[in-house]
């Protein structure tokens, strides 16, 4: 049960639910000083760091190198597994072209997906992609490694991949299409588990 707690601190009242401030108001009577009409960054310009606001820092640059190396190894294993699986399928039926060509896809680390892809979509397409992506990642289980996104160069197909705790590779297939109004929407075509080769 969440309790509402009202805390009065001379000029501020706040409602706290489970440790999160959900409402804050100035409780000081009388006119508001002109200084409060300025934005936070106008009052405190020192908090602005031009480099920090211009471009997001890639996950690789701020993560622990040993952790990133393990994740990168698992993502490369997923790419190789997909490549081998589809090459084997194409060899069995020589009339069927390989469905996955590694050079047609870009790998994006999980924490970089929003900055490197999703933020470049319009609001409706980003919302559609996020909904499908969230559904795809619900398959994560304890012990699984972090996911990555394989994004096809045409930006209309994607695969969410990660390595299971047992070494198997999970792949969720996403595709962009157009709705009745010509808007880009994303859908989850399905998911598969590819057994570890060794």
C-alpha atoms as a PDB file:
ATOM      1  CA  UNK A   1       0.000   0.000   0.000  1.00  0.00           C
ATOM      2  CA  UNK A   2       1.381   3.398  -0.973  1.00  0.00           C
ATOM      3  CA  UNK A   3       1.151   6.100   1.642  1.00  0.00           C
ATOM      4  CA  UNK A   4       0.948   9.752   0.793  1.00  0.00           C
ATOM      5  CA  UNK A   5       3.247  11.818   2.940  1.00  0.00           C
ATOM      6  CA  UNK A   6       3.120  15.576   2.950  1.00  0.00           C
ATOM      7  CA  UNK A   7       6.344  17.279   3.913  1.00  0.00           C
ATOM      8  CA  UNK A   8       6.409  21.009   4.534  1.00  0.00           C
ATOM      9  CA  UNK A   9       9.756  22.749   4.290  1.00  0.00           C
ATOM     10  CA  UNK A  10       9.198  26.484   4.792  1.00  0.00           C
ATOM     11  CA  UNK A  11       8.706  27.281   1.104  1.00  0.00           C
ATOM     12  CA  UNK A  12       8.059  23.872  -0.427  1.00  0.00           C
ATOM     13  CA  UNK A  13       5.436  21.173   0.030  1.00  0.00           C
ATOM     14  CA  UNK A  14       5.864  17.769  -1.579  1.00  0.00           C
ATOM     15  CA  UNK A  15       3.740  14.647  -1.824  1.00  0.00           C
ATOM     16  CA  UNK A  16       5.868  11.524  -1.704  1.00  0.00           C
ATOM     17  CA  UNK A  17       4.652   8.088  -2.761  1.00  0.00           C
ATOM     18  CA  UNK A  18       7.086   5.269  -2.075  1.00  0.00           C
ATOM     19  CA  UNK A  19      10.056   7.602  -2.022  1.00  0.00           C
ATOM     20  CA  UNK A  20       9.190   9.414  -5.292  1.00  0.00           C
ATOM     21  CA  UNK A  21       8.155  13.051  -5.328  1.00  0.00           C
ATOM     22  CA  UNK A  22       4.967  13.258  -7.366  1.00  0.00           C
ATOM     23  CA  UNK A  23       3.925  16.814  -6.580  1.00  0.00           C
ATOM     24  CA  UNK A  24       5.797  19.864  -5.392  1.00  0.00           C
ATOM     25  CA  UNK A  25       4.499  23.379  -4.916  1.00  0.00           C
ATOM     26  CA  UNK A  26       5.726  26.682  -3.600  1.00  0.00           C
ATOM     27  CA  UNK A  27       3.777  27.340  -0.381  1.00  0.00           C
ATOM     28  CA  UNK A  28       5.174  30.798   0.295  1.00  0.00           C
ATOM     29  CA  UNK A  29       2.435  33.415   0.340  1.00  0.00           C
ATOM     30  CA  UNK A  30       2.853  36.688  -1.497  1.00  0.00           C
ATOM     31  CA  UNK A  31       4.397  37.687  -4.834  1.00  0.00           C
ATOM     32  CA  UNK A  32       6.825  35.351  -6.542  1.00  0.00           C
ATOM     33  CA  UNK A  33      10.314  36.836  -6.856  1.00  0.00           C
ATOM     34  CA  UNK A  34      11.327  37.699 -10.423  1.00  0.00           C
ATOM     35  CA  UNK A  35      14.320  35.348 -10.060  1.00  0.00           C
ATOM     36  CA  UNK A  36      12.029  32.263 -10.074  1.00  0.00           C
ATOM     37  CA  UNK A  37      10.726  33.168 -13.512  1.00  0.00           C
ATOM     38  CA  UNK A  38      14.105  32.335 -15.042  1.00  0.00           C
ATOM     39  CA  UNK A  39      14.817  28.809 -16.217  1.00  0.00           C
ATOM     40  CA  UNK A  40      17.113  26.511 -14.261  1.00  0.00           C
ATOM     41  CA  UNK A  41      19.880  26.811 -16.843  1.00  0.00           C
ATOM     42  CA  UNK A  42      19.613  30.617 -16.799  1.00  0.00           C
ATOM     43  CA  UNK A  43      20.059  30.612 -13.016  1.00  0.00           C
ATOM     44  CA  UNK A  44      22.821  28.013 -13.010  1.00  0.00           C
ATOM     45  CA  UNK A  45      24.738  28.237 -16.317  1.00  0.00           C
ATOM     46  CA  UNK A  46      27.661  26.241 -14.860  1.00  0.00           C
ATOM     47  CA  UNK A  47      25.635  23.029 -15.094  1.00  0.00           C
ATOM     48  CA  UNK A  48      25.667  23.242 -18.872  1.00  0.00           C
ATOM     49  CA  UNK A  49      28.463  21.282 -20.499  1.00  0.00           C
ATOM     50  CA  UNK A  50      28.354  21.786 -24.290  1.00  0.00           C
ATOM     51  CA  UNK A  51      30.038  18.453 -25.028  1.00  0.00           C
ATOM     52  CA  UNK A  52      27.556  16.502 -22.908  1.00  0.00           C
ATOM     53  CA  UNK A  53      24.465  17.937 -24.567  1.00  0.00           C
ATOM     54  CA  UNK A  54      25.645  17.679 -28.168  1.00  0.00           C
ATOM     55  CA  UNK A  55      26.032  13.920 -28.673  1.00  0.00           C
ATOM     56  CA  UNK A  56      25.296  10.824 -26.576  1.00  0.00           C
ATOM     57  CA  UNK A  57      28.269   8.794 -25.421  1.00  0.00           C
ATOM     58  CA  UNK A  58      28.290   5.274 -26.899  1.00  0.00           C
ATOM     59  CA  UNK A  59      27.884   2.453 -24.376  1.00  0.00           C
ATOM     60  CA  UNK A  60      31.305   1.050 -25.303  1.00  0.00           C
ATOM     61  CA  UNK A  61      33.014   4.229 -24.097  1.00  0.00           C
ATOM     62  CA  UNK A  62      31.610   4.262 -20.560  1.00  0.00           C
ATOM     63  CA  UNK A  63      31.074   0.571 -19.790  1.00  0.00           C
ATOM     64  CA  UNK A  64      33.554  -1.680 -18.034  1.00  0.00           C
ATOM     65  CA  UNK A  65      35.899  -3.000 -20.780  1.00  0.00           C
ATOM     66  CA  UNK A  66      35.685  -6.617 -19.598  1.00  0.00           C
ATOM     67  CA  UNK A  67      31.877  -6.487 -19.501  1.00  0.00           C
ATOM     68  CA  UNK A  68      31.668  -4.892 -22.934  1.00  0.00           C
ATOM     69  CA  UNK A  69      34.089  -7.462 -24.339  1.00  0.00           C
ATOM     70  CA  UNK A  70      31.888 -10.300 -23.055  1.00  0.00           C
ATOM     71  CA  UNK A  71      28.758  -8.682 -24.504  1.00  0.00           C
ATOM     72  CA  UNK A  72      30.418  -7.943 -27.839  1.00  0.00           C
ATOM     73  CA  UNK A  73      31.581 -11.547 -28.035  1.00  0.00           C
ATOM     74  CA  UNK A  74      28.014 -12.769 -27.426  1.00  0.00           C
ATOM     75  CA  UNK A  75      26.616 -10.405 -30.093  1.00  0.00           C
ATOM     76  CA  UNK A  76      29.235 -11.536 -32.605  1.00  0.00           C
ATOM     77  CA  UNK A  77      28.300 -15.130 -31.792  1.00  0.00           C
ATOM     78  CA  UNK A  78      24.659 -14.276 -32.550  1.00  0.00           C
ATOM     79  CA  UNK A  79      25.623 -12.735 -35.903  1.00  0.00           C
ATOM     80  CA  UNK A  80      27.789 -15.727 -36.832  1.00  0.00           C
ATOM     81  CA  UNK A  81      25.058 -18.155 -35.761  1.00  0.00           C
ATOM     82  CA  UNK A  82      22.494 -16.368 -37.940  1.00  0.00           C
ATOM     83  CA  UNK A  83      24.932 -16.271 -40.843  1.00  0.00           C
ATOM     84  CA  UNK A  84      25.687 -20.002 -40.542  1.00  0.00           C
ATOM     85  CA  UNK A  85      22.027 -20.948 -40.091  1.00  0.00           C
ATOM     86  CA  UNK A  86      20.893 -19.123 -43.202  1.00  0.00           C
ATOM     87  CA  UNK A  87      23.901 -20.219 -45.253  1.00  0.00           C
ATOM     88  CA  UNK A  88      23.121 -23.832 -44.346  1.00  0.00           C
ATOM     89  CA  UNK A  89      19.469 -23.330 -45.335  1.00  0.00           C
ATOM     90  CA  UNK A  90      20.477 -21.802 -48.674  1.00  0.00           C
ATOM     91  CA  UNK A  91      22.868 -24.698 -49.396  1.00  0.00           C
ATOM     92  CA  UNK A  92      20.147 -27.267 -48.826  1.00  0.00           C
ATOM     93  CA  UNK A  93      17.964 -25.579 -51.423  1.00  0.00           C
ATOM     94  CA  UNK A  94      20.220 -23.981 -54.030  1.00  0.00           C
ATOM     95  CA  UNK A  95      17.258 -22.100 -55.554  1.00  0.00           C
ATOM     96  CA  UNK A  96      16.705 -20.273 -52.262  1.00  0.00           C
ATOM     97  CA  UNK A  97      19.028 -17.273 -51.613  1.00  0.00           C
ATOM     98  CA  UNK A  98      20.499 -16.780 -48.151  1.00  0.00           C
ATOM     99  CA  UNK A  99      18.071 -14.726 -46.038  1.00  0.00           C
ATOM    100  CA  UNK A 100      20.772 -13.183 -43.850  1.00  0.00           C
ATOM    101  CA  UNK A 101      23.854 -11.535 -45.273  1.00  0.00           C
ATOM    102  CA  UNK A 102      25.993 -10.185 -42.453  1.00  0.00           C
ATOM    103  CA  UNK A 103      27.286  -7.226 -44.483  1.00  0.00           C
ATOM    104  CA  UNK A 104      23.724  -5.865 -44.887  1.00  0.00           C
ATOM    105  CA  UNK A 105      23.203  -5.355 -41.148  1.00  0.00           C
ATOM    106  CA  UNK A 106      24.566  -2.951 -38.521  1.00  0.00           C
ATOM    107  CA  UNK A 107      24.987  -4.037 -34.910  1.00  0.00           C
ATOM    108  CA  UNK A 108      23.802  -1.573 -32.245  1.00  0.00           C
ATOM    109  CA  UNK A 109      24.451  -2.243 -28.542  1.00  0.00           C
ATOM    110  CA  UNK A 110      21.302  -2.333 -26.401  1.00  0.00           C
ATOM    111  CA  UNK A 111      21.909   0.950 -24.530  1.00  0.00           C
ATOM    112  CA  UNK A 112      22.669   2.755 -27.825  1.00  0.00           C
ATOM    113  CA  UNK A 113      19.452   1.804 -29.663  1.00  0.00           C
ATOM    114  CA  UNK A 114      17.537   4.923 -28.664  1.00  0.00           C
ATOM    115  CA  UNK A 115      20.340   7.329 -29.611  1.00  0.00           C
ATOM    116  CA  UNK A 116      21.487   5.589 -32.787  1.00  0.00           C
ATOM    117  CA  UNK A 117      18.129   4.584 -34.256  1.00  0.00           C
ATOM    118  CA  UNK A 118      14.935   5.282 -32.354  1.00  0.00           C
ATOM    119  CA  UNK A 119      15.595   9.008 -31.860  1.00  0.00           C
ATOM    120  CA  UNK A 120      15.845   9.432 -35.642  1.00  0.00           C
ATOM    121  CA  UNK A 121      12.306   8.164 -36.246  1.00  0.00           C
ATOM    122  CA  UNK A 122       9.235  10.369 -36.212  1.00  0.00           C
ATOM    123  CA  UNK A 123       7.179  10.211 -33.008  1.00  0.00           C
ATOM    124  CA  UNK A 124       4.580   7.710 -34.279  1.00  0.00           C
ATOM    125  CA  UNK A 125       7.113   5.322 -35.795  1.00  0.00           C
ATOM    126  CA  UNK A 126       9.334   5.553 -32.711  1.00  0.00           C
ATOM    127  CA  UNK A 127       6.346   4.698 -30.523  1.00  0.00           C
ATOM    128  CA  UNK A 128       5.471   1.738 -32.750  1.00  0.00           C
ATOM    129  CA  UNK A 129       9.078   0.508 -32.760  1.00  0.00           C
ATOM    130  CA  UNK A 130       9.401   0.906 -28.997  1.00  0.00           C
ATOM    131  CA  UNK A 131       6.227  -1.088 -28.356  1.00  0.00           C
ATOM    132  CA  UNK A 132       7.374  -3.967 -30.572  1.00  0.00           C
ATOM    133  CA  UNK A 133      10.924  -3.821 -29.219  1.00  0.00           C
ATOM    134  CA  UNK A 134       9.650  -3.960 -25.628  1.00  0.00           C
ATOM    135  CA  UNK A 135       7.534  -6.997 -26.499  1.00  0.00           C
ATOM    136  CA  UNK A 136      10.557  -8.678 -28.085  1.00  0.00           C
ATOM    137  CA  UNK A 137      12.742  -8.130 -25.011  1.00  0.00           C
ATOM    138  CA  UNK A 138      10.163  -9.625 -22.643  1.00  0.00           C
ATOM    139  CA  UNK A 139      11.730 -12.965 -23.547  1.00  0.00           C
ATOM    140  CA  UNK A 140      14.828 -12.152 -21.497  1.00  0.00           C
ATOM    141  CA  UNK A 141      15.410 -14.600 -18.629  1.00  0.00           C
ATOM    142  CA  UNK A 142      17.686 -14.418 -15.597  1.00  0.00           C
ATOM    143  CA  UNK A 143      21.267 -15.149 -16.656  1.00  0.00           C
ATOM    144  CA  UNK A 144      20.790 -14.033 -20.279  1.00  0.00           C
ATOM    145  CA  UNK A 145      23.267 -11.472 -21.590  1.00  0.00           C
ATOM    146  CA  UNK A 146      22.264  -7.991 -22.734  1.00  0.00           C
ATOM    147  CA  UNK A 147      20.555  -7.683 -26.108  1.00  0.00           C
ATOM    148  CA  UNK A 148      21.703  -5.873 -29.220  1.00  0.00           C
ATOM    149  CA  UNK A 149      19.848  -4.743 -32.329  1.00  0.00           C
ATOM    150  CA  UNK A 150      20.801  -5.880 -35.798  1.00  0.00           C
ATOM    151  CA  UNK A 151      19.431  -3.178 -38.096  1.00  0.00           C
ATOM    152  CA  UNK A 152      19.297  -3.792 -41.818  1.00  0.00           C
ATOM    153  CA  UNK A 153      20.771  -0.995 -43.935  1.00  0.00           C
ATOM    154  CA  UNK A 154      17.322  -0.253 -45.404  1.00  0.00           C
ATOM    155  CA  UNK A 155      16.116   0.555 -41.831  1.00  0.00           C
ATOM    156  CA  UNK A 156      12.972  -1.499 -42.470  1.00  0.00           C
ATOM    157  CA  UNK A 157      14.061  -4.742 -40.801  1.00  0.00           C
ATOM    158  CA  UNK A 158      15.632  -5.444 -37.435  1.00  0.00           C
ATOM    159  CA  UNK A 159      16.565  -8.396 -35.277  1.00  0.00           C
ATOM    160  CA  UNK A 160      16.843  -8.266 -31.491  1.00  0.00           C
ATOM    161  CA  UNK A 161      19.515 -10.777 -30.465  1.00  0.00           C
ATOM    162  CA  UNK A 162      21.004 -11.988 -27.216  1.00  0.00           C
ATOM    163  CA  UNK A 163      22.771 -15.002 -25.820  1.00  0.00           C
ATOM    164  CA  UNK A 164      20.903 -17.182 -23.349  1.00  0.00           C
ATOM    165  CA  UNK A 165      22.550 -18.323 -20.123  1.00  0.00           C
ATOM    166  CA  UNK A 166      22.972 -21.802 -21.683  1.00  0.00           C
ATOM    167  CA  UNK A 167      24.777 -20.372 -24.748  1.00  0.00           C
ATOM    168  CA  UNK A 168      21.808 -20.593 -27.151  1.00  0.00           C
ATOM    169  CA  UNK A 169      20.990 -17.530 -29.248  1.00  0.00           C
ATOM    170  CA  UNK A 170      17.606 -15.815 -29.092  1.00  0.00           C
ATOM    171  CA  UNK A 171      16.469 -13.864 -32.163  1.00  0.00           C
ATOM    172  CA  UNK A 172      13.310 -11.758 -32.492  1.00  0.00           C
ATOM    173  CA  UNK A 173      12.470 -10.614 -36.029  1.00  0.00           C
ATOM    174  CA  UNK A 174      10.986  -7.115 -36.489  1.00  0.00           C
ATOM    175  CA  UNK A 175       9.801  -5.498 -39.697  1.00  0.00           C
ATOM    176  CA  UNK A 176       8.539  -2.081 -40.710  1.00  0.00           C
ATOM    177  CA  UNK A 177       5.499  -1.750 -42.954  1.00  0.00           C
ATOM    178  CA  UNK A 178       2.982   0.960 -43.840  1.00  0.00           C
ATOM    179  CA  UNK A 179      -0.478   1.260 -42.329  1.00  0.00           C
ATOM    180  CA  UNK A 180      -3.608   2.334 -44.253  1.00  0.00           C
ATOM    181  CA  UNK A 181      -2.557   5.975 -43.987  1.00  0.00           C
ATOM    182  CA  UNK A 182       0.999   5.419 -45.209  1.00  0.00           C
ATOM    183  CA  UNK A 183       2.557   5.721 -41.758  1.00  0.00           C
ATOM    184  CA  UNK A 184       5.492   3.491 -40.869  1.00  0.00           C
ATOM    185  CA  UNK A 185       4.623   0.892 -38.236  1.00  0.00           C
ATOM    186  CA  UNK A 186       6.682  -1.951 -36.780  1.00  0.00           C
ATOM    187  CA  UNK A 187       5.588  -5.498 -36.076  1.00  0.00           C
ATOM    188  CA  UNK A 188       7.099  -8.536 -34.415  1.00  0.00           C
ATOM    189  CA  UNK A 189       7.179 -11.342 -36.964  1.00  0.00           C
ATOM    190  CA  UNK A 190       8.278 -13.978 -34.486  1.00  0.00           C
ATOM    191  CA  UNK A 191      11.121 -15.233 -32.364  1.00  0.00           C
ATOM    192  CA  UNK A 192      13.396 -18.234 -32.479  1.00  0.00           C
ATOM    193  CA  UNK A 193      15.957 -20.009 -30.343  1.00  0.00           C
ATOM    194  CA  UNK A 194      19.050 -21.246 -32.145  1.00  0.00           C
ATOM    195  CA  UNK A 195      20.898 -23.999 -30.284  1.00  0.00           C
ATOM    196  CA  UNK A 196      24.498 -23.335 -29.398  1.00  0.00           C
ATOM    197  CA  UNK A 197      26.998 -25.005 -31.736  1.00  0.00           C
ATOM    198  CA  UNK A 198      29.305 -25.841 -28.883  1.00  0.00           C
END
